[in-house]
Amino acid sequence: MWWAFYLFVPAATGHWLHWSIIGAVSITILFQGSVWFVERISSGKYPAYADYQRKVSRLIPWFSKPLDRE
């Protein structure tokens, strides 16, 4: 939502740098930190989660990672 809000600023003002980018960057950093934290907890709690992490993209699940062929 914050990134969408920020992207309206250049369209309205013609300036790419605006104070609203602070919100977009802050929420992105917060989100990345929480994803890292939850992934760490899940991998410690569920042994099979490490295999899941290798197969599935972290943020967009339908973009799966290529599997290694042996």
C-alpha atoms as a PDB file:
ATOM      1  CA  MET A   1       0.000   0.000   0.000  1.00  0.00           C
ATOM      2  CA  TRP A   2       2.801   2.401   0.880  1.00  0.00           C
ATOM      3  CA  TRP A   3       4.574   1.730  -2.400  1.00  0.00           C
ATOM      4  CA  ALA A   4       1.355   2.397  -4.315  1.00  0.00           C
ATOM      5  CA  PHE A   5       0.901   5.626  -2.362  1.00  0.00           C
ATOM      6  CA  TYR A   6       4.469   6.645  -3.123  1.00  0.00           C
ATOM      7  CA  LEU A   7       4.118   5.883  -6.871  1.00  0.00           C
ATOM      8  CA  PHE A   8       1.310   8.423  -7.148  1.00  0.00           C
ATOM      9  CA  VAL A   9       3.694  11.177  -5.995  1.00  0.00           C
ATOM     10  CA  PRO A  10       5.841  11.343  -9.156  1.00  0.00           C
ATOM     11  CA  ALA A  11       2.696  11.337 -11.275  1.00  0.00           C
ATOM     12  CA  ALA A  12       1.233  14.222  -9.297  1.00  0.00           C
ATOM     13  CA  THR A  13       4.338  16.319  -8.622  1.00  0.00           C
ATOM     14  CA  GLY A  14       6.865  15.317 -11.263  1.00  0.00           C
ATOM     15  CA  HIS A  15       9.507  14.741  -8.560  1.00  0.00           C
ATOM     16  CA  TRP A  16      10.800  11.227  -7.884  1.00  0.00           C
ATOM     17  CA  LEU A  17      12.147  12.001  -4.428  1.00  0.00           C
ATOM     18  CA  HIS A  18       9.471  12.780  -1.851  1.00  0.00           C
ATOM     19  CA  TRP A  19       9.137  12.331   1.912  1.00  0.00           C
ATOM     20  CA  SER A  20       6.502   9.601   1.399  1.00  0.00           C
ATOM     21  CA  ILE A  21       9.257   7.179   0.390  1.00  0.00           C
ATOM     22  CA  ILE A  22      10.163   6.988   4.088  1.00  0.00           C
ATOM     23  CA  GLY A  23       6.948   5.079   4.780  1.00  0.00           C
ATOM     24  CA  ALA A  24       7.444   2.711   1.853  1.00  0.00           C
ATOM     25  CA  VAL A  25      11.051   1.918   2.767  1.00  0.00           C
ATOM     26  CA  SER A  26      10.238   1.579   6.483  1.00  0.00           C
ATOM     27  CA  ILE A  27       7.397  -0.886   5.939  1.00  0.00           C
ATOM     28  CA  THR A  28       9.590  -2.890   3.522  1.00  0.00           C
ATOM     29  CA  ILE A  29      12.363  -3.159   6.114  1.00  0.00           C
ATOM     30  CA  LEU A  30       9.850  -4.141   8.804  1.00  0.00           C
ATOM     31  CA  PHE A  31       8.313  -6.764   6.525  1.00  0.00           C
ATOM     32  CA  GLN A  32      11.690  -8.246   5.582  1.00  0.00           C
ATOM     33  CA  GLY A  33      12.670  -8.441   9.260  1.00  0.00           C
ATOM     34  CA  SER A  34       9.473 -10.228  10.218  1.00  0.00           C
ATOM     35  CA  VAL A  35       9.768 -12.651   7.287  1.00  0.00           C
ATOM     36  CA  TRP A  36      13.331 -13.494   8.309  1.00  0.00           C
ATOM     37  CA  PHE A  37      12.224 -14.009  11.939  1.00  0.00           C
ATOM     38  CA  VAL A  38       9.270 -16.278  11.075  1.00  0.00           C
ATOM     39  CA  GLU A  39      11.330 -18.290   8.582  1.00  0.00           C
ATOM     40  CA  ARG A  40      13.960 -18.878  11.249  1.00  0.00           C
ATOM     41  CA  ILE A  41      11.378 -20.023  13.796  1.00  0.00           C
ATOM     42  CA  SER A  42       9.649 -22.312  11.280  1.00  0.00           C
ATOM     43  CA  SER A  43      12.888 -23.934  10.137  1.00  0.00           C
ATOM     44  CA  GLY A  44      13.793 -24.698  13.745  1.00  0.00           C
ATOM     45  CA  LYS A  45      10.344 -26.048  14.568  1.00  0.00           C
ATOM     46  CA  TYR A  46       9.740 -28.161  11.456  1.00  0.00           C
ATOM     47  CA  PRO A  47      12.682 -30.136  10.008  1.00  0.00           C
ATOM     48  CA  ALA A  48      11.029 -30.516   6.581  1.00  0.00           C
ATOM     49  CA  TYR A  49      10.702 -26.730   6.285  1.00  0.00           C
ATOM     50  CA  ALA A  50      14.279 -26.460   5.002  1.00  0.00           C
ATOM     51  CA  ASP A  51      13.265 -28.544   1.951  1.00  0.00           C
ATOM     52  CA  TYR A  52      10.241 -26.300   1.452  1.00  0.00           C
ATOM     53  CA  GLN A  53      12.477 -23.215   1.590  1.00  0.00           C
ATOM     54  CA  ARG A  54      14.725 -24.640  -1.100  1.00  0.00           C
ATOM     55  CA  LYS A  55      11.763 -25.373  -3.406  1.00  0.00           C
ATOM     56  CA  VAL A  56       9.555 -22.300  -2.943  1.00  0.00           C
ATOM     57  CA  SER A  57      10.309 -18.601  -3.342  1.00  0.00           C
ATOM     58  CA  ARG A  58      10.184 -16.656  -0.086  1.00  0.00           C
ATOM     59  CA  LEU A  59       7.684 -13.933  -0.963  1.00  0.00           C
ATOM     60  CA  ILE A  60       5.826 -15.065  -4.090  1.00  0.00           C
ATOM     61  CA  PRO A  61       5.062 -18.802  -3.786  1.00  0.00           C
ATOM     62  CA  TRP A  62       3.978 -19.388  -7.391  1.00  0.00           C
ATOM     63  CA  PHE A  63       7.494 -18.459  -8.608  1.00  0.00           C
ATOM     64  CA  SER A  64       9.123 -21.687  -7.499  1.00  0.00           C
ATOM     65  CA  LYS A  65      12.840 -22.196  -7.623  1.00  0.00           C
ATOM     66  CA  PRO A  66      14.303 -24.702 -10.089  1.00  0.00           C
ATOM     67  CA  LEU A  67      15.054 -28.054  -8.517  1.00  0.00           C
ATOM     68  CA  ASP A  68      18.528 -29.524  -8.722  1.00  0.00           C
ATOM     69  CA  ARG A  69      18.674 -32.557 -10.996  1.00  0.00           C
ATOM     70  CA  GLU A  70      20.947 -35.305  -9.793  1.00  0.00           C
END
